[in-house]
Every structure is written in structure tokens, then in C-alpha cells.
Amino acid sequence: MQEFAIFDFDGTISNLTVDWDLVRKELSISRISDIWSLPENEKLQALDCISKHECMGLNDQLNFHLDKFNNFSLFSVLTNNSERVVSNFFTALNLNVSRLQITPALIVGRETLSAPKEEENVFRNGINQIFYAMQVTSAQDCTYVGDQDYELTFARKFGLEAIHIKDFKVA
């Protein structure tokens, strides 16, 4: 296992309970990723709407055991979710866990990405921002933990060890 890790958020660290069908209906779009092609003022309103739904769907339940974070000396989060939502999650989690404080070194979310991380160049830019902040000089020094095939494929392509959350069984 590597010293540094980059985690996806929703579906990996926690599960947001968001009614995505309702969000799409409110925004009159067929896919959430369609927001990136909206005119700027509509895009900002759509991002705000999505963030509100994510905040309502936020809980402080981890998908895996808390001690899994101890496998890494430092970690960051790369997500399509709002950076504010991820930050709020860790604040709530740390309030409920008295013996351990878990805080990412950096959260790179949709506000920073400005496009969906399903796009390879967007994913790479997010990884590069995290590498810079974490002072990672080689992809071989980092593990990516996620739940989607595309992100695991991209991570491996960029030289990171990739762990599928369903297979995350490190002792």
C-alpha cells in the first residue's frame, strides 16, 4: 500500500442520498453532466441547486471502516461533488469520532474541476493539482480509491495503484 491516497467521495467514502431524478427534473436536463454546457448564469444556478440537494443528502456514515484511512499518511479527495459538501462531511464525521480526526489534505471537487471528471483530461488535471499540493513527485507513490470503472482506468493509466472500493479489504 502506498503512503499517499486520493479518494473519490460519493460511493467511495460515503453515499449521498440524493434524488438525482428530481434534480434532473428541476434543472430540465437529461444528465447531470449536461450542466457544463449551459450558459454561465444557468450553470451557476444549476451548480447551486445540485449543491443544495447534496447537502440535504449528506450523512456522516463511512462506506468502509474508519481505520482504512490509517493505511495512508496523507490523503486527498477528487470528486464530482461539491467541495463544500465534502468538507461538511468531514466536519460532521470528526464531530462524531472523538478519538481520531480525519481531514483530507485537499478537496478537488466540481468547483475546481469546472467539468466532469469522467473526461480524462479533467481527471488528469485534478490528479495533478492534488500531486502538487501533496508534493507527490511520482504517480507510483500514490493510490487511487474509487468506485467507478472510468476513474480506476484513468488512475492506472496515469501510473497510480487503483483500488476498487468493493475490493478495499486492506487489513
N, C-alpha and C. Protein backbone atom coordinates (compact mmCIF):
# COMPACT_ATOMS: atom_id res chain seq x y z
N MET A 1 0.85 -1.18 0.00
CA MET A 1 0.00 0.00 0.00
C MET A 1 0.89 1.24 0.00
N GLN A 2 0.43 2.25 -0.70
CA GLN A 2 1.20 3.48 -0.84
C GLN A 2 0.99 4.41 0.37
N GLU A 3 1.89 5.39 0.47
CA GLU A 3 1.82 6.35 1.56
C GLU A 3 0.73 7.40 1.34
N PHE A 4 0.50 7.80 0.09
CA PHE A 4 -0.47 8.83 -0.25
C PHE A 4 -1.67 8.21 -0.95
N ALA A 5 -2.84 8.79 -0.74
CA ALA A 5 -4.04 8.27 -1.40
C ALA A 5 -4.90 9.41 -1.89
N ILE A 6 -5.61 9.12 -2.96
CA ILE A 6 -6.64 10.01 -3.48
C ILE A 6 -7.92 9.20 -3.50
N PHE A 7 -8.94 9.70 -2.83
CA PHE A 7 -10.22 9.03 -2.74
C PHE A 7 -11.26 9.77 -3.57
N ASP A 8 -12.12 9.01 -4.24
CA ASP A 8 -13.37 9.56 -4.75
C ASP A 8 -14.23 9.79 -3.50
N PHE A 9 -15.34 10.49 -3.61
CA PHE A 9 -16.19 10.72 -2.44
C PHE A 9 -17.47 9.89 -2.47
N ASP A 10 -18.45 10.32 -3.26
CA ASP A 10 -19.76 9.67 -3.25
C ASP A 10 -19.64 8.26 -3.84
N GLY A 11 -20.02 7.27 -3.05
CA GLY A 11 -19.92 5.88 -3.45
C GLY A 11 -18.62 5.24 -2.99
N THR A 12 -17.71 6.06 -2.48
CA THR A 12 -16.42 5.54 -2.02
C THR A 12 -16.25 5.81 -0.53
N ILE A 13 -16.18 7.07 -0.15
CA ILE A 13 -16.05 7.41 1.27
C ILE A 13 -17.42 7.35 1.94
N SER A 14 -18.42 7.88 1.30
CA SER A 14 -19.77 7.88 1.83
C SER A 14 -20.75 7.78 0.66
N ASN A 15 -22.02 7.62 0.99
CA ASN A 15 -23.06 7.61 -0.03
C ASN A 15 -24.02 8.76 0.23
N LEU A 16 -24.09 9.69 -0.71
CA LEU A 16 -25.07 10.76 -0.61
C LEU A 16 -26.42 10.19 -1.00
N THR A 17 -27.44 10.57 -0.28
CA THR A 17 -28.79 10.13 -0.62
C THR A 17 -29.49 11.29 -1.35
N VAL A 18 -29.22 11.37 -2.63
CA VAL A 18 -29.75 12.44 -3.48
C VAL A 18 -30.72 11.82 -4.48
N ASP A 19 -31.86 12.44 -4.63
CA ASP A 19 -32.82 12.02 -5.65
C ASP A 19 -32.40 12.69 -6.96
N TRP A 20 -31.50 12.03 -7.70
CA TRP A 20 -30.96 12.60 -8.91
C TRP A 20 -32.03 12.79 -9.98
N ASP A 21 -33.07 11.95 -9.97
CA ASP A 21 -34.17 12.14 -10.93
C ASP A 21 -34.86 13.48 -10.67
N LEU A 22 -35.08 13.80 -9.40
CA LEU A 22 -35.69 15.08 -9.05
C LEU A 22 -34.78 16.24 -9.45
N VAL A 23 -33.48 16.10 -9.23
CA VAL A 23 -32.55 17.16 -9.60
C VAL A 23 -32.60 17.40 -11.11
N ARG A 24 -32.54 16.32 -11.88
CA ARG A 24 -32.61 16.45 -13.34
C ARG A 24 -33.92 17.12 -13.77
N LYS A 25 -35.01 16.74 -13.11
CA LYS A 25 -36.32 17.32 -13.44
C LYS A 25 -36.33 18.82 -13.11
N GLU A 26 -35.83 19.19 -11.92
CA GLU A 26 -35.79 20.60 -11.53
C GLU A 26 -34.95 21.43 -12.51
N LEU A 27 -33.88 20.83 -13.02
CA LEU A 27 -32.98 21.56 -13.91
C LEU A 27 -33.33 21.40 -15.39
N SER A 28 -34.33 20.56 -15.67
CA SER A 28 -34.75 20.29 -17.06
C SER A 28 -33.59 19.80 -17.92
N ILE A 29 -32.84 18.83 -17.37
CA ILE A 29 -31.73 18.22 -18.10
C ILE A 29 -31.89 16.70 -18.06
N SER A 30 -31.27 16.01 -19.01
CA SER A 30 -31.39 14.56 -19.02
C SER A 30 -30.25 13.89 -18.24
N ARG A 31 -29.08 14.54 -18.20
CA ARG A 31 -27.94 14.01 -17.44
C ARG A 31 -27.34 15.15 -16.62
N ILE A 32 -26.86 14.83 -15.44
CA ILE A 32 -26.25 15.86 -14.59
C ILE A 32 -25.09 16.52 -15.30
N SER A 33 -24.32 15.77 -16.06
CA SER A 33 -23.17 16.34 -16.76
C SER A 33 -23.58 17.38 -17.81
N ASP A 34 -24.87 17.44 -18.16
CA ASP A 34 -25.35 18.45 -19.10
C ASP A 34 -25.21 19.87 -18.56
N ILE A 35 -25.05 20.02 -17.26
CA ILE A 35 -24.93 21.37 -16.69
C ILE A 35 -23.72 22.11 -17.24
N TRP A 36 -22.68 21.37 -17.62
CA TRP A 36 -21.45 22.02 -18.06
C TRP A 36 -21.60 22.72 -19.41
N SER A 37 -22.64 22.37 -20.15
CA SER A 37 -22.85 23.02 -21.45
C SER A 37 -23.89 24.15 -21.37
N LEU A 38 -24.42 24.42 -20.19
CA LEU A 38 -25.39 25.50 -20.02
C LEU A 38 -24.69 26.85 -20.09
N PRO A 39 -25.44 27.91 -20.45
CA PRO A 39 -24.86 29.27 -20.35
C PRO A 39 -24.41 29.53 -18.92
N GLU A 40 -23.42 30.37 -18.76
CA GLU A 40 -22.76 30.55 -17.47
C GLU A 40 -23.72 30.84 -16.31
N ASN A 41 -24.67 31.75 -16.50
CA ASN A 41 -25.58 32.08 -15.40
C ASN A 41 -26.47 30.89 -15.04
N GLU A 42 -26.92 30.13 -16.05
CA GLU A 42 -27.73 28.94 -15.78
C GLU A 42 -26.89 27.84 -15.13
N LYS A 43 -25.63 27.73 -15.55
CA LYS A 43 -24.73 26.73 -14.97
C LYS A 43 -24.53 27.02 -13.48
N LEU A 44 -24.31 28.26 -13.13
CA LEU A 44 -24.11 28.63 -11.72
C LEU A 44 -25.36 28.31 -10.89
N GLN A 45 -26.54 28.59 -11.44
CA GLN A 45 -27.78 28.25 -10.74
C GLN A 45 -27.92 26.74 -10.60
N ALA A 46 -27.57 26.00 -11.65
CA ALA A 46 -27.65 24.53 -11.61
C ALA A 46 -26.69 23.96 -10.58
N LEU A 47 -25.48 24.50 -10.53
CA LEU A 47 -24.49 24.03 -9.55
C LEU A 47 -24.98 24.29 -8.13
N ASP A 48 -25.59 25.45 -7.93
CA ASP A 48 -26.14 25.77 -6.61
C ASP A 48 -27.27 24.81 -6.25
N CYS A 49 -28.13 24.51 -7.19
CA CYS A 49 -29.24 23.56 -6.97
C CYS A 49 -28.70 22.18 -6.59
N ILE A 50 -27.71 21.72 -7.34
CA ILE A 50 -27.12 20.40 -7.07
C ILE A 50 -26.48 20.38 -5.69
N SER A 51 -25.75 21.44 -5.36
CA SER A 51 -25.11 21.50 -4.03
C SER A 51 -26.13 21.45 -2.91
N LYS A 52 -27.25 22.14 -3.09
CA LYS A 52 -28.31 22.11 -2.06
C LYS A 52 -28.84 20.69 -1.89
N HIS A 53 -29.06 19.99 -3.00
CA HIS A 53 -29.54 18.60 -2.91
C HIS A 53 -28.49 17.69 -2.27
N GLU A 54 -27.22 17.92 -2.61
CA GLU A 54 -26.15 17.12 -1.99
C GLU A 54 -26.08 17.37 -0.49
N CYS A 55 -26.22 18.62 -0.08
CA CYS A 55 -26.20 18.95 1.35
C CYS A 55 -27.36 18.26 2.08
N MET A 56 -28.53 18.24 1.44
CA MET A 56 -29.68 17.57 2.06
C MET A 56 -29.46 16.07 2.14
N GLY A 57 -28.69 15.52 1.21
CA GLY A 57 -28.44 14.08 1.18
C GLY A 57 -27.20 13.66 1.92
N LEU A 58 -26.57 14.60 2.59
CA LEU A 58 -25.32 14.33 3.30
C LEU A 58 -25.58 13.58 4.60
N ASN A 59 -24.74 12.61 4.87
CA ASN A 59 -24.75 11.93 6.16
C ASN A 59 -23.30 11.75 6.58
N ASP A 60 -23.07 11.30 7.79
CA ASP A 60 -21.69 11.12 8.25
C ASP A 60 -21.34 9.64 8.39
N GLN A 61 -21.91 8.82 7.51
CA GLN A 61 -21.65 7.39 7.52
C GLN A 61 -20.57 7.05 6.49
N LEU A 62 -19.54 6.34 6.95
CA LEU A 62 -18.49 5.88 6.05
C LEU A 62 -18.92 4.61 5.33
N ASN A 63 -18.45 4.43 4.10
CA ASN A 63 -18.69 3.20 3.37
C ASN A 63 -17.81 2.07 3.86
N PHE A 64 -16.70 2.40 4.47
CA PHE A 64 -15.76 1.38 4.93
C PHE A 64 -15.25 1.78 6.31
N HIS A 65 -14.57 0.88 6.95
CA HIS A 65 -14.13 1.11 8.33
C HIS A 65 -13.19 2.31 8.42
N LEU A 66 -13.38 3.10 9.46
CA LEU A 66 -12.61 4.30 9.72
C LEU A 66 -11.11 4.06 9.67
N ASP A 67 -10.67 2.93 10.14
CA ASP A 67 -9.24 2.64 10.21
C ASP A 67 -8.60 2.49 8.83
N LYS A 68 -9.38 2.37 7.78
CA LYS A 68 -8.81 2.28 6.43
C LYS A 68 -7.99 3.53 6.10
N PHE A 69 -8.37 4.68 6.66
CA PHE A 69 -7.61 5.89 6.41
C PHE A 69 -6.21 5.81 7.01
N ASN A 70 -6.04 4.97 8.04
CA ASN A 70 -4.73 4.83 8.67
C ASN A 70 -3.72 4.14 7.77
N ASN A 71 -4.18 3.55 6.67
CA ASN A 71 -3.25 2.92 5.73
C ASN A 71 -2.43 3.94 4.95
N PHE A 72 -2.83 5.21 5.05
CA PHE A 72 -2.17 6.26 4.29
C PHE A 72 -1.78 7.39 5.24
N SER A 73 -0.59 7.95 5.03
CA SER A 73 -0.17 9.05 5.89
C SER A 73 -0.87 10.35 5.53
N LEU A 74 -1.34 10.43 4.30
CA LEU A 74 -1.96 11.66 3.82
C LEU A 74 -2.92 11.28 2.70
N PHE A 75 -4.06 11.97 2.64
CA PHE A 75 -4.99 11.68 1.55
C PHE A 75 -5.70 12.96 1.11
N SER A 76 -6.19 12.91 -0.12
CA SER A 76 -6.99 13.99 -0.68
C SER A 76 -8.23 13.37 -1.32
N VAL A 77 -9.13 14.23 -1.75
CA VAL A 77 -10.38 13.79 -2.37
C VAL A 77 -10.49 14.43 -3.74
N LEU A 78 -10.81 13.61 -4.75
CA LEU A 78 -11.09 14.07 -6.11
C LEU A 78 -12.51 13.62 -6.44
N THR A 79 -13.41 14.57 -6.65
CA THR A 79 -14.82 14.23 -6.76
C THR A 79 -15.57 15.14 -7.71
N ASN A 80 -16.67 14.64 -8.23
CA ASN A 80 -17.60 15.47 -8.99
C ASN A 80 -18.54 16.22 -8.05
N ASN A 81 -18.49 15.91 -6.78
CA ASN A 81 -19.36 16.56 -5.80
C ASN A 81 -18.81 17.92 -5.42
N SER A 82 -19.62 18.67 -4.72
CA SER A 82 -19.24 20.00 -4.26
C SER A 82 -18.15 19.89 -3.18
N GLU A 83 -17.16 20.73 -3.28
CA GLU A 83 -16.10 20.78 -2.27
C GLU A 83 -16.69 21.10 -0.89
N ARG A 84 -17.69 21.98 -0.88
CA ARG A 84 -18.34 22.35 0.38
C ARG A 84 -19.01 21.15 1.03
N VAL A 85 -19.68 20.32 0.23
CA VAL A 85 -20.36 19.13 0.75
C VAL A 85 -19.34 18.17 1.35
N VAL A 86 -18.24 17.94 0.66
CA VAL A 86 -17.20 17.03 1.16
C VAL A 86 -16.60 17.58 2.45
N SER A 87 -16.33 18.87 2.48
CA SER A 87 -15.80 19.50 3.69
C SER A 87 -16.79 19.36 4.85
N ASN A 88 -18.07 19.59 4.58
CA ASN A 88 -19.10 19.45 5.62
C ASN A 88 -19.16 18.02 6.13
N PHE A 89 -18.98 17.05 5.23
CA PHE A 89 -18.99 15.64 5.63
C PHE A 89 -17.88 15.38 6.66
N PHE A 90 -16.67 15.81 6.36
CA PHE A 90 -15.56 15.55 7.27
C PHE A 90 -15.71 16.31 8.58
N THR A 91 -16.28 17.50 8.53
CA THR A 91 -16.55 18.24 9.77
C THR A 91 -17.52 17.45 10.64
N ALA A 92 -18.61 16.98 10.06
CA ALA A 92 -19.60 16.19 10.81
C ALA A 92 -19.00 14.88 11.31
N LEU A 93 -18.23 14.22 10.46
CA LEU A 93 -17.60 12.96 10.84
C LEU A 93 -16.68 13.16 12.03
N ASN A 94 -15.86 14.19 11.98
CA ASN A 94 -14.90 14.43 13.05
C ASN A 94 -15.58 14.85 14.35
N LEU A 95 -16.75 15.46 14.28
CA LEU A 95 -17.50 15.78 15.49
C LEU A 95 -18.01 14.51 16.17
N ASN A 96 -18.28 13.48 15.35
CA ASN A 96 -18.83 12.23 15.87
C ASN A 96 -17.78 11.19 16.24
N VAL A 97 -16.54 11.45 15.90
CA VAL A 97 -15.47 10.50 16.17
C VAL A 97 -14.45 11.19 17.08
N SER A 98 -14.51 10.89 18.36
CA SER A 98 -13.69 11.63 19.31
C SER A 98 -12.23 11.21 19.30
N ARG A 99 -11.93 9.99 18.91
CA ARG A 99 -10.56 9.51 19.04
C ARG A 99 -9.68 9.80 17.83
N LEU A 100 -10.26 10.18 16.73
CA LEU A 100 -9.49 10.34 15.51
C LEU A 100 -10.05 11.47 14.66
N GLN A 101 -9.17 12.29 14.15
CA GLN A 101 -9.59 13.35 13.24
C GLN A 101 -9.14 12.99 11.84
N ILE A 102 -10.07 12.94 10.91
CA ILE A 102 -9.78 12.59 9.53
C ILE A 102 -10.06 13.81 8.67
N THR A 103 -9.01 14.34 8.07
CA THR A 103 -9.16 15.54 7.27
C THR A 103 -8.32 15.41 6.00
N PRO A 104 -8.93 15.56 4.85
CA PRO A 104 -8.14 15.49 3.62
C PRO A 104 -7.19 16.68 3.49
N ALA A 105 -6.04 16.42 2.88
CA ALA A 105 -5.08 17.50 2.63
C ALA A 105 -5.66 18.50 1.64
N LEU A 106 -6.46 17.99 0.69
CA LEU A 106 -7.04 18.84 -0.33
C LEU A 106 -8.32 18.18 -0.84
N ILE A 107 -9.30 18.99 -1.12
CA ILE A 107 -10.53 18.52 -1.76
C ILE A 107 -10.62 19.21 -3.12
N VAL A 108 -10.60 18.42 -4.17
CA VAL A 108 -10.77 18.94 -5.52
C VAL A 108 -12.12 18.43 -6.01
N GLY A 109 -13.07 19.34 -6.06
CA GLY A 109 -14.42 19.00 -6.46
C GLY A 109 -14.82 19.74 -7.71
N ARG A 110 -16.13 19.74 -7.98
CA ARG A 110 -16.59 20.29 -9.25
C ARG A 110 -16.32 21.78 -9.40
N GLU A 111 -16.23 22.51 -8.28
CA GLU A 111 -15.93 23.94 -8.39
C GLU A 111 -14.54 24.15 -8.98
N THR A 112 -13.60 23.32 -8.61
CA THR A 112 -12.23 23.42 -9.12
C THR A 112 -12.10 22.76 -10.48
N LEU A 113 -12.75 21.62 -10.65
CA LEU A 113 -12.63 20.89 -11.91
C LEU A 113 -13.28 21.62 -13.08
N SER A 114 -14.42 22.27 -12.84
CA SER A 114 -15.18 23.01 -13.86
C SER A 114 -15.63 22.15 -15.03
N ALA A 115 -15.66 20.86 -14.85
CA ALA A 115 -16.15 19.91 -15.85
C ALA A 115 -16.20 18.55 -15.16
N PRO A 116 -16.88 17.59 -15.73
CA PRO A 116 -16.97 16.27 -15.08
C PRO A 116 -15.65 15.50 -15.17
N LYS A 117 -15.28 14.84 -14.08
CA LYS A 117 -14.02 14.10 -14.08
C LYS A 117 -14.09 12.84 -14.93
N GLU A 118 -15.24 12.54 -15.53
CA GLU A 118 -15.34 11.45 -16.50
C GLU A 118 -14.54 11.75 -17.76
N GLU A 119 -14.21 13.02 -17.94
CA GLU A 119 -13.35 13.42 -19.05
C GLU A 119 -11.90 13.22 -18.61
N GLU A 120 -11.17 12.46 -19.38
CA GLU A 120 -9.81 12.07 -18.99
C GLU A 120 -8.92 13.25 -18.66
N ASN A 121 -8.98 14.31 -19.47
CA ASN A 121 -8.12 15.48 -19.21
C ASN A 121 -8.52 16.19 -17.91
N VAL A 122 -9.79 16.19 -17.59
CA VAL A 122 -10.26 16.81 -16.34
C VAL A 122 -9.78 15.99 -15.15
N PHE A 123 -9.90 14.67 -15.26
CA PHE A 123 -9.42 13.78 -14.21
C PHE A 123 -7.91 13.99 -14.01
N ARG A 124 -7.16 14.02 -15.10
CA ARG A 124 -5.71 14.22 -15.02
C ARG A 124 -5.37 15.55 -14.35
N ASN A 125 -6.09 16.62 -14.73
CA ASN A 125 -5.83 17.93 -14.11
C ASN A 125 -6.09 17.89 -12.60
N GLY A 126 -7.17 17.20 -12.20
CA GLY A 126 -7.45 17.06 -10.77
C GLY A 126 -6.35 16.30 -10.05
N ILE A 127 -5.88 15.22 -10.65
CA ILE A 127 -4.78 14.44 -10.07
C ILE A 127 -3.53 15.31 -9.96
N ASN A 128 -3.22 16.06 -11.02
CA ASN A 128 -2.03 16.92 -10.99
C ASN A 128 -2.11 17.99 -9.91
N GLN A 129 -3.29 18.56 -9.70
CA GLN A 129 -3.45 19.56 -8.63
C GLN A 129 -3.19 18.93 -7.26
N ILE A 130 -3.70 17.72 -7.10
CA ILE A 130 -3.50 17.03 -5.83
C ILE A 130 -2.04 16.65 -5.65
N PHE A 131 -1.40 16.15 -6.69
CA PHE A 131 0.02 15.81 -6.60
C PHE A 131 0.84 17.03 -6.17
N TYR A 132 0.53 18.16 -6.75
CA TYR A 132 1.26 19.38 -6.40
C TYR A 132 1.06 19.73 -4.92
N ALA A 133 -0.19 19.71 -4.48
CA ALA A 133 -0.50 20.06 -3.09
C ALA A 133 0.08 19.04 -2.10
N MET A 134 0.08 17.77 -2.48
CA MET A 134 0.58 16.72 -1.60
C MET A 134 2.08 16.50 -1.77
N GLN A 135 2.69 17.24 -2.69
CA GLN A 135 4.11 17.12 -3.00
C GLN A 135 4.48 15.70 -3.41
N VAL A 136 3.60 15.10 -4.19
CA VAL A 136 3.86 13.77 -4.74
C VAL A 136 4.62 13.97 -6.04
N THR A 137 5.80 13.36 -6.14
CA THR A 137 6.62 13.53 -7.32
C THR A 137 6.48 12.39 -8.32
N SER A 138 5.90 11.29 -7.88
CA SER A 138 5.72 10.15 -8.77
C SER A 138 4.36 9.50 -8.54
N ALA A 139 3.66 9.20 -9.61
CA ALA A 139 2.35 8.54 -9.50
C ALA A 139 2.48 7.20 -8.80
N GLN A 140 3.62 6.58 -8.88
CA GLN A 140 3.84 5.29 -8.23
C GLN A 140 3.80 5.40 -6.70
N ASP A 141 3.88 6.62 -6.18
CA ASP A 141 3.84 6.85 -4.74
C ASP A 141 2.42 7.06 -4.23
N CYS A 142 1.42 6.88 -5.09
CA CYS A 142 0.05 7.22 -4.73
C CYS A 142 -0.92 6.10 -5.11
N THR A 143 -1.95 5.96 -4.30
CA THR A 143 -3.04 5.02 -4.55
C THR A 143 -4.32 5.81 -4.79
N TYR A 144 -5.08 5.38 -5.77
CA TYR A 144 -6.40 5.97 -6.02
C TYR A 144 -7.45 4.97 -5.56
N VAL A 145 -8.43 5.44 -4.78
CA VAL A 145 -9.51 4.59 -4.29
C VAL A 145 -10.82 5.15 -4.82
N GLY A 146 -11.53 4.35 -5.61
CA GLY A 146 -12.77 4.82 -6.20
C GLY A 146 -13.75 3.69 -6.44
N ASP A 147 -14.92 4.07 -6.96
CA ASP A 147 -15.97 3.07 -7.18
C ASP A 147 -16.40 2.96 -8.64
N GLN A 148 -15.89 3.81 -9.52
CA GLN A 148 -16.31 3.80 -10.93
C GLN A 148 -15.18 3.27 -11.81
N ASP A 149 -15.54 2.47 -12.79
CA ASP A 149 -14.54 1.89 -13.68
C ASP A 149 -13.70 2.94 -14.39
N TYR A 150 -14.33 4.02 -14.87
CA TYR A 150 -13.58 5.02 -15.62
C TYR A 150 -12.47 5.64 -14.78
N GLU A 151 -12.75 5.92 -13.50
CA GLU A 151 -11.74 6.57 -12.68
C GLU A 151 -10.59 5.61 -12.35
N LEU A 152 -10.91 4.35 -12.16
CA LEU A 152 -9.87 3.36 -11.90
C LEU A 152 -9.00 3.16 -13.15
N THR A 153 -9.64 3.16 -14.31
CA THR A 153 -8.91 3.04 -15.58
C THR A 153 -7.98 4.24 -15.76
N PHE A 154 -8.50 5.45 -15.54
CA PHE A 154 -7.66 6.65 -15.66
C PHE A 154 -6.51 6.61 -14.66
N ALA A 155 -6.80 6.26 -13.42
CA ALA A 155 -5.75 6.23 -12.39
C ALA A 155 -4.63 5.28 -12.80
N ARG A 156 -4.99 4.09 -13.24
CA ARG A 156 -3.97 3.12 -13.68
C ARG A 156 -3.20 3.66 -14.90
N LYS A 157 -3.90 4.28 -15.81
CA LYS A 157 -3.26 4.84 -17.00
C LYS A 157 -2.22 5.89 -16.62
N PHE A 158 -2.48 6.63 -15.54
CA PHE A 158 -1.57 7.66 -15.09
C PHE A 158 -0.50 7.12 -14.13
N GLY A 159 -0.50 5.80 -13.89
CA GLY A 159 0.55 5.17 -13.09
C GLY A 159 0.25 4.99 -11.62
N LEU A 160 -0.97 5.28 -11.19
CA LEU A 160 -1.33 5.11 -9.79
C LEU A 160 -1.79 3.68 -9.54
N GLU A 161 -1.56 3.19 -8.34
CA GLU A 161 -2.20 1.96 -7.92
C GLU A 161 -3.68 2.31 -7.76
N ALA A 162 -4.57 1.44 -8.21
CA ALA A 162 -6.00 1.73 -8.14
C ALA A 162 -6.71 0.63 -7.38
N ILE A 163 -7.54 1.04 -6.43
CA ILE A 163 -8.30 0.10 -5.61
C ILE A 163 -9.78 0.39 -5.81
N HIS A 164 -10.50 -0.63 -6.20
CA HIS A 164 -11.95 -0.52 -6.32
C HIS A 164 -12.53 -0.60 -4.92
N ILE A 165 -13.42 0.31 -4.55
CA ILE A 165 -13.94 0.36 -3.18
C ILE A 165 -14.55 -0.97 -2.76
N LYS A 166 -15.15 -1.72 -3.67
CA LYS A 166 -15.72 -3.00 -3.31
C LYS A 166 -14.64 -4.01 -2.94
N ASP A 167 -13.41 -3.75 -3.37
CA ASP A 167 -12.30 -4.65 -3.08
C ASP A 167 -11.38 -4.10 -1.98
N PHE A 168 -11.75 -3.01 -1.36
CA PHE A 168 -10.88 -2.37 -0.38
C PHE A 168 -10.91 -3.15 0.92
N LYS A 169 -10.03 -4.13 1.03
CA LYS A 169 -10.01 -5.02 2.18
C LYS A 169 -8.67 -5.02 2.88
N VAL A 170 -7.96 -3.91 2.84
CA VAL A 170 -6.64 -3.83 3.46
C VAL A 170 -6.79 -4.03 4.97
N ALA A 171 -5.97 -4.89 5.53
CA ALA A 171 -6.05 -5.17 6.98
C ALA A 171 -5.50 -4.04 7.80
